[in-house]
C-alpha cells in the first residue's frame, strides 16, 4: 500500500437504504459563503439546487468494527453540490449544510474526523414495505425533533424502480462521489464516498414539513418553501467512506 492509499483507506462502511431525496432550486449567492476552499459550485442544466435527504444508515462499521448501539440509525441532511478540478479530471461532490442523527456520539465523531456539521436530535421513521422485502412501497418518512417541535420529510413511491438515466437530474443528485468540508483555521477536507449506481422510484406527494428558519437558517426559507424541482426515492446500497485528505 502506498502512502496515499494508507491516508485514504476505508474509514466507514455501511448500508444506505430508502433514501428520500427532495431537491429545490436556490440562488447561488446563498451558497457561495458556504463553499469550502478549493471547490466551486456545480450545476445541473445551469440550475443550482439544494437537497433534503433522509435515509437509513444500517450495519455501520468504523475501521471495520461495529460500534455497539450505533449500527443502525437514521440521518437527515441538507446538502448542495460542488466540483473540483483534480489531476484525474473533475471530482463532483457535496457540501453539507447540516446533518442530523439521533445519537450524540455519532455527531461528535463526524465533527471531529471530517469537520462536518452534525447535530444529534431525537428521530423516528415510517416506511412502507411490499411483501416484507427491502424495497419501499408507499410512504417513506423521516422525522426529527428540534426545539420542541417534530419536523418531517417524506414522499410516496410511484411506479417501479428504474435505473438512473444518463444526464438526468436523478443521476446528478445521486452520483456525486466526493465530500468536502471547510475546516477551522482555513482549508478544507476531501473524502471519497463509494457505492454502485442506485435505482430510483419517482415520488408523489413529496413534503418537507419543517420550520426552516429554526432548523437551517433564514436564508433557506424561500427555497425550501417552494415546490421541489425533483423528488424521488432511491433504493440505496452498501457504501464505503474513505479517510479524508486536507486540500
C-alpha atoms as a PDB file:
ATOM      1  CA  UNK A   1       0.000   0.000   0.000  1.00  0.00           C
ATOM      2  CA  UNK A   2       1.324   3.442  -0.928  1.00  0.00           C
ATOM      3  CA  UNK A   3       1.423   6.341   1.480  1.00  0.00           C
ATOM      4  CA  UNK A   4      -1.501   7.941  -0.369  1.00  0.00           C
ATOM      5  CA  UNK A   5      -3.578   4.751  -0.128  1.00  0.00           C
ATOM      6  CA  UNK A   6      -2.863   4.477   3.596  1.00  0.00           C
ATOM      7  CA  UNK A   7      -4.056   8.031   4.144  1.00  0.00           C
ATOM      8  CA  UNK A   8      -7.250   7.476   2.156  1.00  0.00           C
ATOM      9  CA  UNK A   9      -8.109   3.951   3.371  1.00  0.00           C
ATOM     10  CA  UNK A  10     -11.558   2.812   4.419  1.00  0.00           C
ATOM     11  CA  UNK A  11     -12.855   4.711   7.438  1.00  0.00           C
ATOM     12  CA  UNK A  12     -16.525   3.715   7.469  1.00  0.00           C
ATOM     13  CA  UNK A  13     -18.716   1.127   5.778  1.00  0.00           C
ATOM     14  CA  UNK A  14     -22.486   0.813   5.944  1.00  0.00           C
ATOM     15  CA  UNK A  15     -25.695   0.304   4.034  1.00  0.00           C
ATOM     16  CA  UNK A  16     -27.544   3.435   2.926  1.00  0.00           C
ATOM     17  CA  UNK A  17     -31.159   2.493   2.259  1.00  0.00           C
ATOM     18  CA  UNK A  18     -34.542   4.005   1.376  1.00  0.00           C
ATOM     19  CA  UNK A  19     -33.306   7.480   0.525  1.00  0.00           C
ATOM     20  CA  UNK A  20     -35.940  10.207   0.190  1.00  0.00           C
ATOM     21  CA  UNK A  21     -34.349  12.939  -1.939  1.00  0.00           C
ATOM     22  CA  UNK A  22     -36.154  16.268  -2.397  1.00  0.00           C
ATOM     23  CA  UNK A  23     -34.295  19.000  -4.304  1.00  0.00           C
ATOM     24  CA  UNK A  24     -35.005  22.717  -4.540  1.00  0.00           C
ATOM     25  CA  UNK A  25     -33.641  25.472  -6.749  1.00  0.00           C
ATOM     26  CA  UNK A  26     -31.683  28.146  -4.879  1.00  0.00           C
ATOM     27  CA  UNK A  27     -29.937  31.443  -5.509  1.00  0.00           C
ATOM     28  CA  UNK A  28     -26.196  30.646  -5.712  1.00  0.00           C
ATOM     29  CA  UNK A  29     -25.452  33.807  -3.721  1.00  0.00           C
ATOM     30  CA  UNK A  30     -26.832  31.995  -0.659  1.00  0.00           C
ATOM     31  CA  UNK A  31     -24.426  29.080  -1.149  1.00  0.00           C
ATOM     32  CA  UNK A  32     -21.208  30.903  -2.046  1.00  0.00           C
ATOM     33  CA  UNK A  33     -20.267  31.807   1.565  1.00  0.00           C
ATOM     34  CA  UNK A  34     -20.568  28.098   2.435  1.00  0.00           C
ATOM     35  CA  UNK A  35     -18.309  26.763  -0.339  1.00  0.00           C
ATOM     36  CA  UNK A  36     -15.095  25.243   1.097  1.00  0.00           C
ATOM     37  CA  UNK A  37     -11.767  26.430  -0.227  1.00  0.00           C
ATOM     38  CA  UNK A  38     -10.607  24.651  -3.382  1.00  0.00           C
ATOM     39  CA  UNK A  39     -14.010  23.776  -4.872  1.00  0.00           C
ATOM     40  CA  UNK A  40     -16.670  25.583  -6.900  1.00  0.00           C
ATOM     41  CA  UNK A  41     -20.449  25.313  -7.177  1.00  0.00           C
ATOM     42  CA  UNK A  42     -21.757  22.644  -9.536  1.00  0.00           C
ATOM     43  CA  UNK A  43     -24.983  22.967 -11.544  1.00  0.00           C
ATOM     44  CA  UNK A  44     -27.455  20.783 -13.395  1.00  0.00           C
ATOM     45  CA  UNK A  45     -28.604  22.396 -16.654  1.00  0.00           C
ATOM     46  CA  UNK A  46     -27.468  25.729 -15.247  1.00  0.00           C
ATOM     47  CA  UNK A  47     -29.556  25.406 -12.087  1.00  0.00           C
ATOM     48  CA  UNK A  48     -28.203  25.480  -8.542  1.00  0.00           C
ATOM     49  CA  UNK A  49     -30.015  23.144  -6.171  1.00  0.00           C
ATOM     50  CA  UNK A  50     -30.019  22.061  -2.558  1.00  0.00           C
ATOM     51  CA  UNK A  51     -31.342  18.677  -1.457  1.00  0.00           C
ATOM     52  CA  UNK A  52     -33.008  17.466   1.713  1.00  0.00           C
ATOM     53  CA  UNK A  53     -32.138  13.772   2.062  1.00  0.00           C
ATOM     54  CA  UNK A  54     -33.498  11.331   4.629  1.00  0.00           C
ATOM     55  CA  UNK A  55     -32.259   7.748   4.784  1.00  0.00           C
ATOM     56  CA  UNK A  56     -31.358   4.740   6.915  1.00  0.00           C
ATOM     57  CA  UNK A  57     -27.762   4.085   7.962  1.00  0.00           C
ATOM     58  CA  UNK A  58     -27.549   0.297   8.536  1.00  0.00           C
ATOM     59  CA  UNK A  59     -24.809  -2.133   9.643  1.00  0.00           C
ATOM     60  CA  UNK A  60     -22.414   0.733  10.285  1.00  0.00           C
ATOM     61  CA  UNK A  61     -18.781  -0.158  10.917  1.00  0.00           C
ATOM     62  CA  UNK A  62     -15.919   2.212  11.742  1.00  0.00           C
ATOM     63  CA  UNK A  63     -12.491   0.893  10.745  1.00  0.00           C
ATOM     64  CA  UNK A  64     -14.209  -2.448  10.183  1.00  0.00           C
ATOM     65  CA  UNK A  65     -15.610  -2.678  13.711  1.00  0.00           C
ATOM     66  CA  UNK A  66     -19.337  -2.422  14.537  1.00  0.00           C
ATOM     67  CA  UNK A  67     -19.967   0.129  17.271  1.00  0.00           C
ATOM     68  CA  UNK A  68     -22.414  -1.124  19.935  1.00  0.00           C
ATOM     69  CA  UNK A  69     -25.793   0.682  19.848  1.00  0.00           C
ATOM     70  CA  UNK A  70     -24.670   2.734  16.817  1.00  0.00           C
ATOM     71  CA  UNK A  71     -25.020   0.297  13.931  1.00  0.00           C
ATOM     72  CA  UNK A  72     -28.500   1.237  12.665  1.00  0.00           C
ATOM     73  CA  UNK A  73     -29.852   4.780  12.710  1.00  0.00           C
ATOM     74  CA  UNK A  74     -31.476   7.458  10.556  1.00  0.00           C
ATOM     75  CA  UNK A  75     -29.907  10.554   9.056  1.00  0.00           C
ATOM     76  CA  UNK A  76     -31.407  13.671   7.513  1.00  0.00           C
ATOM     77  CA  UNK A  77     -29.168  16.167   5.775  1.00  0.00           C
ATOM     78  CA  UNK A  78     -29.322  19.371   3.761  1.00  0.00           C
ATOM     79  CA  UNK A  79     -26.641  19.500   1.068  1.00  0.00           C
ATOM     80  CA  UNK A  80     -25.549  21.273  -2.085  1.00  0.00           C
ATOM     81  CA  UNK A  81     -23.301  20.352  -4.994  1.00  0.00           C
ATOM     82  CA  UNK A  82     -19.734  21.311  -5.875  1.00  0.00           C
ATOM     83  CA  UNK A  83     -16.858  20.171  -8.053  1.00  0.00           C
ATOM     84  CA  UNK A  84     -13.073  20.319  -8.001  1.00  0.00           C
ATOM     85  CA  UNK A  85     -10.547  20.042 -10.817  1.00  0.00           C
ATOM     86  CA  UNK A  86      -8.011  17.335  -9.866  1.00  0.00           C
ATOM     87  CA  UNK A  87      -5.241  15.574 -11.779  1.00  0.00           C
ATOM     88  CA  UNK A  88      -7.726  12.863 -12.809  1.00  0.00           C
ATOM     89  CA  UNK A  89     -10.359  15.360 -14.006  1.00  0.00           C
ATOM     90  CA  UNK A  90     -13.409  16.877 -12.362  1.00  0.00           C
ATOM     91  CA  UNK A  91     -14.402  15.479  -8.992  1.00  0.00           C
ATOM     92  CA  UNK A  92     -18.078  16.108  -8.295  1.00  0.00           C
ATOM     93  CA  UNK A  93     -19.025  16.281  -4.654  1.00  0.00           C
ATOM     94  CA  UNK A  94     -21.374  17.549  -1.987  1.00  0.00           C
ATOM     95  CA  UNK A  95     -21.144  20.000   0.895  1.00  0.00           C
ATOM     96  CA  UNK A  96     -23.424  19.529   3.888  1.00  0.00           C
ATOM     97  CA  UNK A  97     -25.202  22.466   5.478  1.00  0.00           C
ATOM     98  CA  UNK A  98     -26.417  20.321   8.379  1.00  0.00           C
ATOM     99  CA  UNK A  99     -26.587  16.587   9.138  1.00  0.00           C
ATOM    100  CA  UNK A 100     -28.998  15.293  11.774  1.00  0.00           C
ATOM    101  CA  UNK A 101     -28.531  11.924  13.511  1.00  0.00           C
ATOM    102  CA  UNK A 102     -30.146  10.512  16.679  1.00  0.00           C
ATOM    103  CA  UNK A 103     -27.073   9.914  18.832  1.00  0.00           C
ATOM    104  CA  UNK A 104     -24.618  12.370  20.350  1.00  0.00           C
ATOM    105  CA  UNK A 105     -21.611  10.064  19.851  1.00  0.00           C
ATOM    106  CA  UNK A 106     -22.233   9.818  16.090  1.00  0.00           C
ATOM    107  CA  UNK A 107     -22.399  13.576  15.729  1.00  0.00           C
ATOM    108  CA  UNK A 108     -19.276  14.095  17.826  1.00  0.00           C
ATOM    109  CA  UNK A 109     -17.143  11.637  15.832  1.00  0.00           C
ATOM    110  CA  UNK A 110     -18.242  13.071  12.466  1.00  0.00           C
ATOM    111  CA  UNK A 111     -17.454  16.613  13.585  1.00  0.00           C
ATOM    112  CA  UNK A 112     -14.047  15.566  14.904  1.00  0.00           C
ATOM    113  CA  UNK A 113     -12.942  13.422  11.931  1.00  0.00           C
ATOM    114  CA  UNK A 114     -14.291  15.395   8.966  1.00  0.00           C
ATOM    115  CA  UNK A 115     -15.355  18.738  10.391  1.00  0.00           C
ATOM    116  CA  UNK A 116     -18.898  18.043   9.203  1.00  0.00           C
ATOM    117  CA  UNK A 117     -21.877  19.924  10.622  1.00  0.00           C
ATOM    118  CA  UNK A 118     -23.549  17.099  12.547  1.00  0.00           C
ATOM    119  CA  UNK A 119     -26.074  17.569  15.339  1.00  0.00           C
ATOM    120  CA  UNK A 120     -27.915  14.989  17.455  1.00  0.00           C
ATOM    121  CA  UNK A 121     -31.716  15.082  17.677  1.00  0.00           C
ATOM    122  CA  UNK A 122     -34.459  12.588  18.563  1.00  0.00           C
ATOM    123  CA  UNK A 123     -35.549  10.834  15.351  1.00  0.00           C
ATOM    124  CA  UNK A 124     -38.069   8.329  14.021  1.00  0.00           C
ATOM    125  CA  UNK A 125     -39.192   6.925  10.672  1.00  0.00           C
ATOM    126  CA  UNK A 126     -42.203   5.405   8.922  1.00  0.00           C
ATOM    127  CA  UNK A 127     -41.507   3.139   5.959  1.00  0.00           C
ATOM    128  CA  UNK A 128     -43.968   1.078   3.924  1.00  0.00           C
ATOM    129  CA  UNK A 129     -42.628  -2.221   2.562  1.00  0.00           C
ATOM    130  CA  UNK A 130     -44.004  -4.534  -0.099  1.00  0.00           C
ATOM    131  CA  UNK A 131     -44.156  -8.249   0.782  1.00  0.00           C
ATOM    132  CA  UNK A 132     -41.629  -7.639   3.603  1.00  0.00           C
ATOM    133  CA  UNK A 133     -38.860  -7.143   1.053  1.00  0.00           C
ATOM    134  CA  UNK A 134     -36.183  -4.486   1.235  1.00  0.00           C
ATOM    135  CA  UNK A 135     -37.944  -2.224  -1.265  1.00  0.00           C
ATOM    136  CA  UNK A 136     -40.086   0.766  -0.374  1.00  0.00           C
ATOM    137  CA  UNK A 137     -43.720   0.721  -1.426  1.00  0.00           C
ATOM    138  CA  UNK A 138     -45.872   3.540  -0.218  1.00  0.00           C
ATOM    139  CA  UNK A 139     -44.826   6.320   2.089  1.00  0.00           C
ATOM    140  CA  UNK A 140     -41.244   6.770   3.277  1.00  0.00           C
ATOM    141  CA  UNK A 141     -40.942   9.371   6.021  1.00  0.00           C
ATOM    142  CA  UNK A 142     -38.152  10.540   8.315  1.00  0.00           C
ATOM    143  CA  UNK A 143     -38.801  12.837  11.284  1.00  0.00           C
ATOM    144  CA  UNK A 144     -36.728  14.675  13.842  1.00  0.00           C
ATOM    145  CA  UNK A 145     -37.460  16.768  16.913  1.00  0.00           C
ATOM    146  CA  UNK A 146     -35.870  20.188  17.227  1.00  0.00           C
ATOM    147  CA  UNK A 147     -36.631  22.837  19.874  1.00  0.00           C
ATOM    148  CA  UNK A 148     -39.779  21.050  20.975  1.00  0.00           C
ATOM    149  CA  UNK A 149     -41.286  20.503  17.512  1.00  0.00           C
ATOM    150  CA  UNK A 150     -41.366  17.491  15.183  1.00  0.00           C
ATOM    151  CA  UNK A 151     -40.288  18.057  11.569  1.00  0.00           C
ATOM    152  CA  UNK A 152     -40.805  15.669   8.649  1.00  0.00           C
ATOM    153  CA  UNK A 153     -39.530  14.833   5.165  1.00  0.00           C
ATOM    154  CA  UNK A 154     -41.467  12.252   3.157  1.00  0.00           C
ATOM    155  CA  UNK A 155     -42.593  11.027  -0.232  1.00  0.00           C
ATOM    156  CA  UNK A 156     -44.545   8.111  -1.682  1.00  0.00           C
ATOM    157  CA  UNK A 157     -43.210   5.770  -4.343  1.00  0.00           C
ATOM    158  CA  UNK A 158     -44.703   5.967  -7.828  1.00  0.00           C
ATOM    159  CA  UNK A 159     -44.468   3.035 -10.218  1.00  0.00           C
ATOM    160  CA  UNK A 160     -41.482   0.683 -10.191  1.00  0.00           C
ATOM    161  CA  UNK A 161     -37.807   1.330  -9.516  1.00  0.00           C
ATOM    162  CA  UNK A 162     -35.756   2.177 -12.597  1.00  0.00           C
ATOM    163  CA  UNK A 163     -32.026   2.515 -13.322  1.00  0.00           C
ATOM    164  CA  UNK A 164     -30.698   6.049 -13.491  1.00  0.00           C
ATOM    165  CA  UNK A 165     -30.939   7.777 -16.868  1.00  0.00           C
ATOM    166  CA  UNK A 166     -27.687   9.326 -18.064  1.00  0.00           C
ATOM    167  CA  UNK A 167     -27.838  13.100 -17.872  1.00  0.00           C
ATOM    168  CA  UNK A 168     -30.960  13.124 -15.687  1.00  0.00           C
ATOM    169  CA  UNK A 169     -31.365  15.207 -12.587  1.00  0.00           C
ATOM    170  CA  UNK A 170     -31.653  11.991 -10.565  1.00  0.00           C
ATOM    171  CA  UNK A 171     -28.196  10.996 -11.801  1.00  0.00           C
ATOM    172  CA  UNK A 172     -26.823  14.431 -10.919  1.00  0.00           C
ATOM    173  CA  UNK A 173     -28.256  14.268  -7.391  1.00  0.00           C
ATOM    174  CA  UNK A 174     -27.115  10.720  -6.568  1.00  0.00           C
ATOM    175  CA  UNK A 175     -23.779  10.439  -8.363  1.00  0.00           C
ATOM    176  CA  UNK A 176     -21.565  12.946  -6.602  1.00  0.00           C
ATOM    177  CA  UNK A 177     -18.909  10.693  -5.095  1.00  0.00           C
ATOM    178  CA  UNK A 178     -16.852  13.162  -3.061  1.00  0.00           C
ATOM    179  CA  UNK A 179     -17.485  15.060   0.140  1.00  0.00           C
ATOM    180  CA  UNK A 180     -15.976  18.428   1.036  1.00  0.00           C
ATOM    181  CA  UNK A 181     -15.952  20.182   4.397  1.00  0.00           C
ATOM    182  CA  UNK A 182     -14.459  23.511   5.426  1.00  0.00           C
ATOM    183  CA  UNK A 183     -12.031  23.298   8.345  1.00  0.00           C
ATOM    184  CA  UNK A 184     -11.383  25.610  11.240  1.00  0.00           C
ATOM    185  CA  UNK A 185      -8.482  27.868  10.504  1.00  0.00           C
ATOM    186  CA  UNK A 186      -8.985  27.646   6.739  1.00  0.00           C
ATOM    187  CA  UNK A 187      -8.558  24.946   4.175  1.00  0.00           C
ATOM    188  CA  UNK A 188     -10.886  22.024   3.537  1.00  0.00           C
ATOM    189  CA  UNK A 189     -11.064  18.236   3.665  1.00  0.00           C
ATOM    190  CA  UNK A 190     -11.877  15.996   0.707  1.00  0.00           C
ATOM    191  CA  UNK A 191     -13.073  12.400   1.104  1.00  0.00           C
ATOM    192  CA  UNK A 192     -14.409   9.800  -1.307  1.00  0.00           C
ATOM    193  CA  UNK A 193     -17.762   8.011  -0.982  1.00  0.00           C
ATOM    194  CA  UNK A 194     -18.047   4.781  -2.986  1.00  0.00           C
ATOM    195  CA  UNK A 195     -21.250   2.998  -3.987  1.00  0.00           C
ATOM    196  CA  UNK A 196     -22.784   1.461  -7.113  1.00  0.00           C
ATOM    197  CA  UNK A 197     -25.390   3.274  -9.170  1.00  0.00           C
ATOM    198  CA  UNK A 198     -28.815   3.227  -7.499  1.00  0.00           C
ATOM    199  CA  UNK A 199     -32.280   2.503  -8.814  1.00  0.00           C
ATOM    200  CA  UNK A 200     -34.903   5.159  -8.181  1.00  0.00           C
ATOM    201  CA  UNK A 201     -38.647   5.427  -7.808  1.00  0.00           C
ATOM    202  CA  UNK A 202     -40.371   8.602  -8.914  1.00  0.00           C
ATOM    203  CA  UNK A 203     -42.258  10.121  -5.994  1.00  0.00           C
ATOM    204  CA  UNK A 204     -45.668  11.602  -5.479  1.00  0.00           C
ATOM    205  CA  UNK A 205     -46.821  13.821  -2.614  1.00  0.00           C
ATOM    206  CA  UNK A 206     -43.314  14.972  -1.628  1.00  0.00           C
ATOM    207  CA  UNK A 207     -43.351  17.071   1.518  1.00  0.00           C
ATOM    208  CA  UNK A 208     -40.941  18.921   3.767  1.00  0.00           C
ATOM    209  CA  UNK A 209     -42.811  19.938   6.904  1.00  0.00           C
ATOM    210  CA  UNK A 210     -40.211  21.917   8.759  1.00  0.00           C
ATOM    211  CA  UNK A 211     -39.600  25.231  10.479  1.00  0.00           C
ATOM    212  CA  UNK A 212     -36.813  26.030   8.017  1.00  0.00           C
ATOM    213  CA  UNK A 213     -35.636  29.196   9.736  1.00  0.00           C
ATOM    214  CA  UNK A 214     -35.326  27.377  13.064  1.00  0.00           C
ATOM    215  CA  UNK A 215     -33.571  24.302  11.651  1.00  0.00           C
ATOM    216  CA  UNK A 216     -31.459  25.630   8.755  1.00  0.00           C
ATOM    217  CA  UNK A 217     -31.498  29.424   8.894  1.00  0.00           C
ATOM    218  CA  UNK A 218     -33.481  32.276   7.382  1.00  0.00           C
ATOM    219  CA  UNK A 219     -31.512  32.229   4.117  1.00  0.00           C
ATOM    220  CA  UNK A 220     -33.034  28.857   3.164  1.00  0.00           C
ATOM    221  CA  UNK A 221     -36.680  29.713   3.879  1.00  0.00           C
ATOM    222  CA  UNK A 222     -37.667  30.881   0.403  1.00  0.00           C
ATOM    223  CA  UNK A 223     -36.083  27.961  -1.450  1.00  0.00           C
ATOM    224  CA  UNK A 224     -37.304  25.193   0.849  1.00  0.00           C
ATOM    225  CA  UNK A 225     -40.841  26.638   0.972  1.00  0.00           C
ATOM    226  CA  UNK A 226     -41.178  26.208  -2.799  1.00  0.00           C
ATOM    227  CA  UNK A 227     -42.169  23.043  -4.652  1.00  0.00           C
ATOM    228  CA  UNK A 228     -39.207  20.704  -5.160  1.00  0.00           C
ATOM    229  CA  UNK A 229     -37.738  20.652  -8.673  1.00  0.00           C
ATOM    230  CA  UNK A 230     -37.206  16.890  -8.282  1.00  0.00           C
ATOM    231  CA  UNK A 231     -38.440  14.252  -5.855  1.00  0.00           C
ATOM    232  CA  UNK A 232     -37.577  10.574  -5.822  1.00  0.00           C
ATOM    233  CA  UNK A 233     -36.744   7.634  -3.581  1.00  0.00           C
ATOM    234  CA  UNK A 234     -33.537   5.664  -4.135  1.00  0.00           C
ATOM    235  CA  UNK A 235     -33.102   2.054  -3.096  1.00  0.00           C
ATOM    236  CA  UNK A 236     -29.535   2.570  -1.854  1.00  0.00           C
ATOM    237  CA  UNK A 237     -26.683   0.081  -1.476  1.00  0.00           C
ATOM    238  CA  UNK A 238     -23.566  -0.736   0.538  1.00  0.00           C
ATOM    239  CA  UNK A 239     -21.277   2.311   0.794  1.00  0.00           C
ATOM    240  CA  UNK A 240     -17.681   2.971   1.767  1.00  0.00           C
ATOM    241  CA  UNK A 241     -16.452   6.309   3.102  1.00  0.00           C
ATOM    242  CA  UNK A 242     -12.706   6.842   2.734  1.00  0.00           C
ATOM    243  CA  UNK A 243     -10.426   8.766   5.064  1.00  0.00           C
ATOM    244  CA  UNK A 244     -10.243  12.443   4.271  1.00  0.00           C
ATOM    245  CA  UNK A 245      -7.272  14.406   2.962  1.00  0.00           C
ATOM    246  CA  UNK A 246      -6.679  18.087   3.539  1.00  0.00           C
ATOM    247  CA  UNK A 247      -6.628  20.322   0.493  1.00  0.00           C
END
